[in-house]
C-alpha atoms as a PDB file:
ATOM      1  CA  MET A   1      34.117  65.387 146.153  1.00  0.00           C
ATOM      2  CA  SER A   2      30.928  62.995 144.755  1.00  0.00           C
ATOM      3  CA  GLU A   3      31.660  59.975 142.510  1.00  0.00           C
ATOM      4  CA  PRO A   4      30.441  60.857 139.183  1.00  0.00           C
ATOM      5  CA  ARG A   5      27.915  59.717 137.959  1.00  0.00           C
ATOM      6  CA  ALA A   6      27.571  55.893 135.433  1.00  0.00           C
ATOM      7  CA  GLY A   7      28.018  56.596 132.627  1.00  0.00           C
ATOM      8  CA  GLN A   8      30.073  59.740 132.966  1.00  0.00           C
ATOM      9  CA  ALA A   9      33.572  60.130 132.255  1.00  0.00           C
ATOM     10  CA  VAL A  10      35.636  61.838 133.851  1.00  0.00           C
ATOM     11  CA  MET A  11      40.114  62.708 133.692  1.00  0.00           C
ATOM     12  CA  GLY A  12      42.660  64.857 135.256  1.00  0.00           C
ATOM     13  CA  LYS A  13      42.580  68.777 135.042  1.00  0.00           C
ATOM     14  CA  SER A  14      46.098  69.032 134.544  1.00  0.00           C
ATOM     15  CA  ARG A  15      45.718  68.814 130.460  1.00  0.00           C
ATOM     16  CA  MET A  16      43.244  71.395 131.091  1.00  0.00           C
ATOM     17  CA  GLU A  17      44.882  73.374 133.494  1.00  0.00           C
ATOM     18  CA  ALA A  18      47.789  74.033 130.842  1.00  0.00           C
ATOM     19  CA  PHE A  19      46.132  74.719 127.503  1.00  0.00           C
ATOM     20  CA  SER A  20      44.004  77.157 129.723  1.00  0.00           C
ATOM     21  CA  ASP A  21      47.247  78.788 130.583  1.00  0.00           C
ATOM     22  CA  GLY A  22      48.777  78.572 127.205  1.00  0.00           C
ATOM     23  CA  VAL A  23      46.029  80.042 125.263  1.00  0.00           C
ATOM     24  CA  LEU A  24      45.532  83.480 127.566  1.00  0.00           C
ATOM     25  CA  ALA A  25      49.397  83.619 127.791  1.00  0.00           C
ATOM     26  CA  ILE A  26      49.127  83.487 123.739  1.00  0.00           C
ATOM     27  CA  ILE A  27      46.008  85.946 123.712  1.00  0.00           C
ATOM     28  CA  ILE A  28      48.789  88.612 125.426  1.00  0.00           C
ATOM     29  CA  THR A  29      51.531  88.165 123.613  1.00  0.00           C
ATOM     30  CA  ILE A  30      49.157  88.757 120.217  1.00  0.00           C
ATOM     31  CA  MET A  31      47.953  91.706 122.103  1.00  0.00           C
ATOM     32  CA  VAL A  32      51.611  92.832 123.043  1.00  0.00           C
ATOM     33  CA  LEU A  33      52.054  91.989 119.129  1.00  0.00           C
ATOM     34  CA  GLU A  34      50.227  94.926 118.735  1.00  0.00           C
ATOM     35  CA  LEU A  35      51.484  97.586 120.128  1.00  0.00           C
ATOM     36  CA  LYS A  36      53.367  99.605 116.970  1.00  0.00           C
ATOM     37  CA  VAL A  37      56.913 100.978 117.768  1.00  0.00           C
ATOM     38  CA  PRO A  38      56.903 105.078 117.881  1.00  0.00           C
ATOM     39  CA  HIS A  39      58.669 106.607 115.784  1.00  0.00           C
ATOM     40  CA  GLY A  40      61.358 109.523 117.431  1.00  0.00           C
ATOM     41  CA  THR A  41      62.767 109.633 121.435  1.00  0.00           C
ATOM     42  CA  ASP A  42      60.630 112.778 122.346  1.00  0.00           C
ATOM     43  CA  VAL A  43      58.380 111.659 124.575  1.00  0.00           C
ATOM     44  CA  ALA A  44      55.155 113.023 122.811  1.00  0.00           C
ATOM     45  CA  VAL A  45      55.936 110.566 120.239  1.00  0.00           C
ATOM     46  CA  LEU A  46      53.721 108.524 122.419  1.00  0.00           C
ATOM     47  CA  LYS A  47      50.916 110.527 122.485  1.00  0.00           C
ATOM     48  CA  PRO A  48      49.439 108.756 119.554  1.00  0.00           C
ATOM     49  CA  LEU A  49      49.963 105.618 121.221  1.00  0.00           C
ATOM     50  CA  LEU A  50      48.097 106.124 123.822  1.00  0.00           C
ATOM     51  CA  PRO A  51      44.612 104.757 122.894  1.00  0.00           C
ATOM     52  CA  MET A  52      46.451 101.520 121.909  1.00  0.00           C
ATOM     53  CA  LEU A  53      48.109 101.614 125.658  1.00  0.00           C
ATOM     54  CA  LEU A  54      45.071 102.118 127.174  1.00  0.00           C
ATOM     55  CA  ALA A  55      43.165  99.508 126.011  1.00  0.00           C
ATOM     56  CA  TYR A  56      45.559  97.089 126.309  1.00  0.00           C
ATOM     57  CA  ALA A  57      46.096  97.560 129.866  1.00  0.00           C
ATOM     58  CA  LEU A  58      42.554  96.716 130.058  1.00  0.00           C
ATOM     59  CA  SER A  59      42.694  93.879 128.234  1.00  0.00           C
ATOM     60  CA  PHE A  60      45.749  92.677 130.189  1.00  0.00           C
ATOM     61  CA  LEU A  61      44.211  93.104 133.410  1.00  0.00           C
ATOM     62  CA  TYR A  62      41.731  91.114 132.219  1.00  0.00           C
ATOM     63  CA  VAL A  63      43.694  88.244 130.952  1.00  0.00           C
ATOM     64  CA  GLY A  64      45.189  87.794 134.617  1.00  0.00           C
ATOM     65  CA  ILE A  65      42.232  88.247 136.747  1.00  0.00           C
ATOM     66  CA  TYR A  66      41.025  85.617 134.389  1.00  0.00           C
ATOM     67  CA  TRP A  67      43.889  83.194 134.431  1.00  0.00           C
ATOM     68  CA  THR A  68      44.016  84.113 138.333  1.00  0.00           C
ATOM     69  CA  ASN A  69      40.764  83.227 138.863  1.00  0.00           C
ATOM     70  CA  HIS A  70      40.773  80.199 137.390  1.00  0.00           C
ATOM     71  CA  HIS A  71      43.896  79.060 138.684  1.00  0.00           C
ATOM     72  CA  HIS A  72      42.027  79.643 142.403  1.00  0.00           C
ATOM     73  CA  MET A  73      39.184  78.068 140.496  1.00  0.00           C
ATOM     74  CA  LEU A  74      40.554  74.742 140.095  1.00  0.00           C
ATOM     75  CA  HIS A  75      41.873  74.422 143.337  1.00  0.00           C
ATOM     76  CA  THR A  76      38.708  72.750 143.802  1.00  0.00           C
ATOM     77  CA  VAL A  77      38.810  70.544 140.989  1.00  0.00           C
ATOM     78  CA  GLN A  78      39.683  67.012 141.010  1.00  0.00           C
ATOM     79  CA  LYS A  79      38.225  65.354 138.179  1.00  0.00           C
ATOM     80  CA  VAL A  80      36.956  67.357 135.221  1.00  0.00           C
ATOM     81  CA  THR A  81      34.181  65.778 133.248  1.00  0.00           C
ATOM     82  CA  GLY A  82      33.209  65.941 129.198  1.00  0.00           C
ATOM     83  CA  PRO A  83      31.260  69.028 129.571  1.00  0.00           C
ATOM     84  CA  VAL A  84      33.373  71.023 132.166  1.00  0.00           C
ATOM     85  CA  LEU A  85      35.874  70.556 129.403  1.00  0.00           C
ATOM     86  CA  TRP A  86      33.742  72.058 126.504  1.00  0.00           C
ATOM     87  CA  ALA A  87      32.389  75.463 128.911  1.00  0.00           C
ATOM     88  CA  ASN A  88      36.511  76.117 129.327  1.00  0.00           C
ATOM     89  CA  LEU A  89      36.929  75.885 125.601  1.00  0.00           C
ATOM     90  CA  HIS A  90      33.589  78.151 125.677  1.00  0.00           C
ATOM     91  CA  LEU A  91      35.680  80.366 127.453  1.00  0.00           C
ATOM     92  CA  LEU A  92      39.105  80.374 125.980  1.00  0.00           C
ATOM     93  CA  PHE A  93      37.270  81.564 122.728  1.00  0.00           C
ATOM     94  CA  TRP A  94      35.590  84.430 124.089  1.00  0.00           C
ATOM     95  CA  LEU A  95      38.910  85.195 125.544  1.00  0.00           C
ATOM     96  CA  SER A  96      40.974  85.216 122.197  1.00  0.00           C
ATOM     97  CA  LEU A  97      38.122  87.499 120.814  1.00  0.00           C
ATOM     98  CA  LEU A  98      39.669  90.648 122.708  1.00  0.00           C
ATOM     99  CA  PRO A  99      43.221  90.997 120.883  1.00  0.00           C
ATOM    100  CA  VAL A 100      41.146  92.442 118.247  1.00  0.00           C
ATOM    101  CA  THR A 101      38.308  93.892 119.948  1.00  0.00           C
ATOM    102  CA  THR A 102      41.233  95.873 121.630  1.00  0.00           C
ATOM    103  CA  SER A 103      42.578  97.062 118.972  1.00  0.00           C
ATOM    104  CA  TRP A 104      40.002  97.583 117.308  1.00  0.00           C
ATOM    105  CA  ILE A 105      38.648 100.440 120.091  1.00  0.00           C
ATOM    106  CA  SER A 106      42.277 102.251 119.782  1.00  0.00           C
ATOM    107  CA  GLU A 107      42.622 102.429 115.429  1.00  0.00           C
ATOM    108  CA  ASN A 108      38.950 104.114 115.936  1.00  0.00           C
ATOM    109  CA  GLN A 109      38.953 106.707 119.072  1.00  0.00           C
ATOM    110  CA  LEU A 110      36.172 104.816 121.104  1.00  0.00           C
ATOM    111  CA  ALA A 111      33.545 104.793 118.545  1.00  0.00           C
ATOM    112  CA  SER A 112      29.825 102.943 119.941  1.00  0.00           C
ATOM    113  CA  GLU A 113      30.593  99.998 117.104  1.00  0.00           C
ATOM    114  CA  PRO A 114      34.060  99.025 118.670  1.00  0.00           C
ATOM    115  CA  VAL A 115      32.884 100.003 122.423  1.00  0.00           C
ATOM    116  CA  ALA A 116      30.030  97.700 122.008  1.00  0.00           C
ATOM    117  CA  LEU A 117      31.596  94.695 121.051  1.00  0.00           C
ATOM    118  CA  TYR A 118      34.333  94.762 123.589  1.00  0.00           C
ATOM    119  CA  GLY A 119      31.705  94.881 126.035  1.00  0.00           C
ATOM    120  CA  ALA A 120      29.284  91.846 124.170  1.00  0.00           C
ATOM    121  CA  VAL A 121      33.004  90.354 124.458  1.00  0.00           C
ATOM    122  CA  LEU A 122      33.529  90.862 128.133  1.00  0.00           C
ATOM    123  CA  LEU A 123      30.145  90.018 128.807  1.00  0.00           C
ATOM    124  CA  MET A 124      29.912  86.502 127.116  1.00  0.00           C
ATOM    125  CA  ALA A 125      33.176  85.720 128.722  1.00  0.00           C
ATOM    126  CA  ALA A 126      31.826  86.708 132.016  1.00  0.00           C
ATOM    127  CA  PHE A 127      28.899  84.293 131.160  1.00  0.00           C
ATOM    128  CA  ALA A 128      31.298  81.521 130.161  1.00  0.00           C
ATOM    129  CA  PHE A 129      32.531  81.501 132.841  1.00  0.00           C
ATOM    130  CA  TRP A 130      29.749  81.123 134.959  1.00  0.00           C
ATOM    131  CA  THR A 131      28.253  78.582 133.066  1.00  0.00           C
ATOM    132  CA  LEU A 132      32.085  76.876 134.129  1.00  0.00           C
ATOM    133  CA  GLN A 133      31.743  77.174 137.145  1.00  0.00           C
ATOM    134  CA  GLN A 134      27.946  75.588 136.932  1.00  0.00           C
ATOM    135  CA  LEU A 135      29.091  72.870 135.619  1.00  0.00           C
ATOM    136  CA  ILE A 136      31.992  72.200 137.807  1.00  0.00           C
ATOM    137  CA  VAL A 137      29.432  71.993 140.650  1.00  0.00           C
ATOM    138  CA  ALA A 138      26.513  70.223 139.346  1.00  0.00           C
ATOM    139  CA  SER A 139      30.010  67.364 138.772  1.00  0.00           C
ATOM    140  CA  GLN A 140      30.546  67.645 142.011  1.00  0.00           C
ATOM    141  CA  GLY A 141      27.724  66.947 143.715  1.00  0.00           C
ATOM    142  CA  PRO A 142      26.027  68.456 146.871  1.00  0.00           C
ATOM    143  CA  GLN A 143      29.186  68.383 148.439  1.00  0.00           C
ATOM    144  CA  SER A 144      31.211  70.983 146.207  1.00  0.00           C
ATOM    145  CA  LEU A 145      33.436  72.854 147.209  1.00  0.00           C
ATOM    146  CA  LEU A 146      32.799  75.074 144.419  1.00  0.00           C
ATOM    147  CA  LYS A 147      29.508  75.592 145.880  1.00  0.00           C
ATOM    148  CA  LYS A 148      30.447  76.493 149.294  1.00  0.00           C
ATOM    149  CA  ALA A 149      32.930  78.909 147.849  1.00  0.00           C
ATOM    150  CA  ILE A 150      31.298  80.919 145.457  1.00  0.00           C
ATOM    151  CA  LYS A 151      27.378  80.647 147.782  1.00  0.00           C
ATOM    152  CA  ASP A 152      25.680  83.432 146.097  1.00  0.00           C
ATOM    153  CA  ASP A 153      28.788  84.721 143.352  1.00  0.00           C
ATOM    154  CA  TRP A 154      27.144  87.904 144.184  1.00  0.00           C
ATOM    155  CA  LYS A 155      30.318  89.388 142.155  1.00  0.00           C
ATOM    156  CA  GLY A 156      29.197  87.401 138.964  1.00  0.00           C
ATOM    157  CA  LYS A 157      25.632  88.617 138.686  1.00  0.00           C
ATOM    158  CA  LEU A 158      27.180  91.935 138.753  1.00  0.00           C
ATOM    159  CA  SER A 159      29.512  91.293 136.465  1.00  0.00           C
ATOM    160  CA  LEU A 160      27.475  90.426 133.933  1.00  0.00           C
ATOM    161  CA  VAL A 161      24.158  93.507 135.066  1.00  0.00           C
ATOM    162  CA  LEU A 162      27.602  95.681 134.215  1.00  0.00           C
ATOM    163  CA  TYR A 163      28.089  95.124 131.157  1.00  0.00           C
ATOM    164  CA  ALA A 164      25.393  94.584 129.460  1.00  0.00           C
ATOM    165  CA  ILE A 165      24.798  98.587 130.910  1.00  0.00           C
ATOM    166  CA  GLY A 166      27.837  99.390 129.349  1.00  0.00           C
ATOM    167  CA  VAL A 167      27.050  97.708 126.034  1.00  0.00           C
ATOM    168  CA  VAL A 168      23.995  99.604 125.648  1.00  0.00           C
ATOM    169  CA  LEU A 169      25.474 103.069 126.977  1.00  0.00           C
ATOM    170  CA  ALA A 170      28.276 102.082 124.248  1.00  0.00           C
ATOM    171  CA  PHE A 171      25.950 103.531 121.655  1.00  0.00           C
ATOM    172  CA  VAL A 172      25.418 106.629 123.484  1.00  0.00           C
ATOM    173  CA  VAL A 173      28.560 107.306 125.669  1.00  0.00           C
ATOM    174  CA  PRO A 174      31.321 106.006 124.813  1.00  0.00           C
ATOM    175  CA  TRP A 175      34.136 106.590 126.970  1.00  0.00           C
ATOM    176  CA  LEU A 176      31.432 106.146 129.836  1.00  0.00           C
ATOM    177  CA  ALA A 177      31.306 102.092 128.561  1.00  0.00           C
ATOM    178  CA  ILE A 178      34.821 101.757 128.954  1.00  0.00           C
ATOM    179  CA  SER A 179      34.584 103.121 132.739  1.00  0.00           C
ATOM    180  CA  ILE A 180      32.394 100.768 134.213  1.00  0.00           C
ATOM    181  CA  TYR A 181      34.342  98.279 131.982  1.00  0.00           C
ATOM    182  CA  ALA A 182      37.051  99.452 133.914  1.00  0.00           C
ATOM    183  CA  LEU A 183      35.101  99.300 137.499  1.00  0.00           C
ATOM    184  CA  VAL A 184      34.460  96.049 136.635  1.00  0.00           C
ATOM    185  CA  ALA A 185      38.114  95.437 136.420  1.00  0.00           C
ATOM    186  CA  LEU A 186      38.291  96.711 139.171  1.00  0.00           C
ATOM    187  CA  ILE A 187      35.912  94.831 141.783  1.00  0.00           C
ATOM    188  CA  TRP A 188      37.518  91.420 140.547  1.00  0.00           C
ATOM    189  CA  LEU A 189      40.792  93.444 141.198  1.00  0.00           C
ATOM    190  CA  VAL A 190      40.168  92.847 145.093  1.00  0.00           C
ATOM    191  CA  PRO A 191      41.467  90.379 146.137  1.00  0.00           C
ATOM    192  CA  ASP A 192      39.054  87.587 146.519  1.00  0.00           C
ATOM    193  CA  ARG A 193      39.881  84.525 149.788  1.00  0.00           C
ATOM    194  CA  ARG A 194      36.480  82.241 149.333  1.00  0.00           C
ATOM    195  CA  ILE A 195      38.038  79.389 147.460  1.00  0.00           C
ATOM    196  CA  GLU A 196      40.969  80.281 149.931  1.00  0.00           C
ATOM    197  CA  ARG A 197      39.769  79.519 152.808  1.00  0.00           C
ATOM    198  CA  VAL A 198      36.868  76.604 151.677  1.00  0.00           C
ATOM    199  CA  PHE A 199      39.585  74.892 151.249  1.00  0.00           C
ATOM    200  CA  ALA A 200      42.186  75.074 153.469  1.00  0.00           C
ATOM    201  CA  ASP A 201      38.776  75.159 156.101  1.00  0.00           C
ATOM    202  CA  SER A 202      38.006  70.811 154.075  1.00  0.00           C
ATOM    203  CA  GLY A 203      41.359  70.118 154.832  1.00  0.00           C
ATOM    204  CA  ASN A 204      43.557  69.059 151.234  1.00  0.00           C
END
């Protein structure tokens, strides 16, 4: 790993990692608290809750994906810089909007505007994660372990394109936009061992 440039403040990653884990845990907690308790013991009472349950499941999956990828990414980092800290906060800001957009979708039966806003939040979160990756790579220099792992990062670039398509489609066919968001989640759900392999090969 390269030495930091003159005048560039660096610090350990543990506080950033702990803070990020805490924020993501709070996001999930807020989302689950939005689930309404069904009145009655009949299975039929769950039907009105189905949109909220499905929206919650998708958002929970996204938070889980970001948590696991964030965890793996930080394995390549020993020190973080000020710009990296701010980029991390930028990512957490967009993820923190998931609870409200999730609720808006479920309460309005997949109306165009809520679905578009949900996709816009996903788009910005993906962009924020990409930005965080780039700043980590820049701080590590030409021998960056993260750069070796992600290479051209086709999954990240494809995700941005699909989110943008989903946002546009939300104003025409909202359910198709949601399907695209779910597809992107499935793409990232496939285990990605790139960082683990590079980290192991480096002997760290």
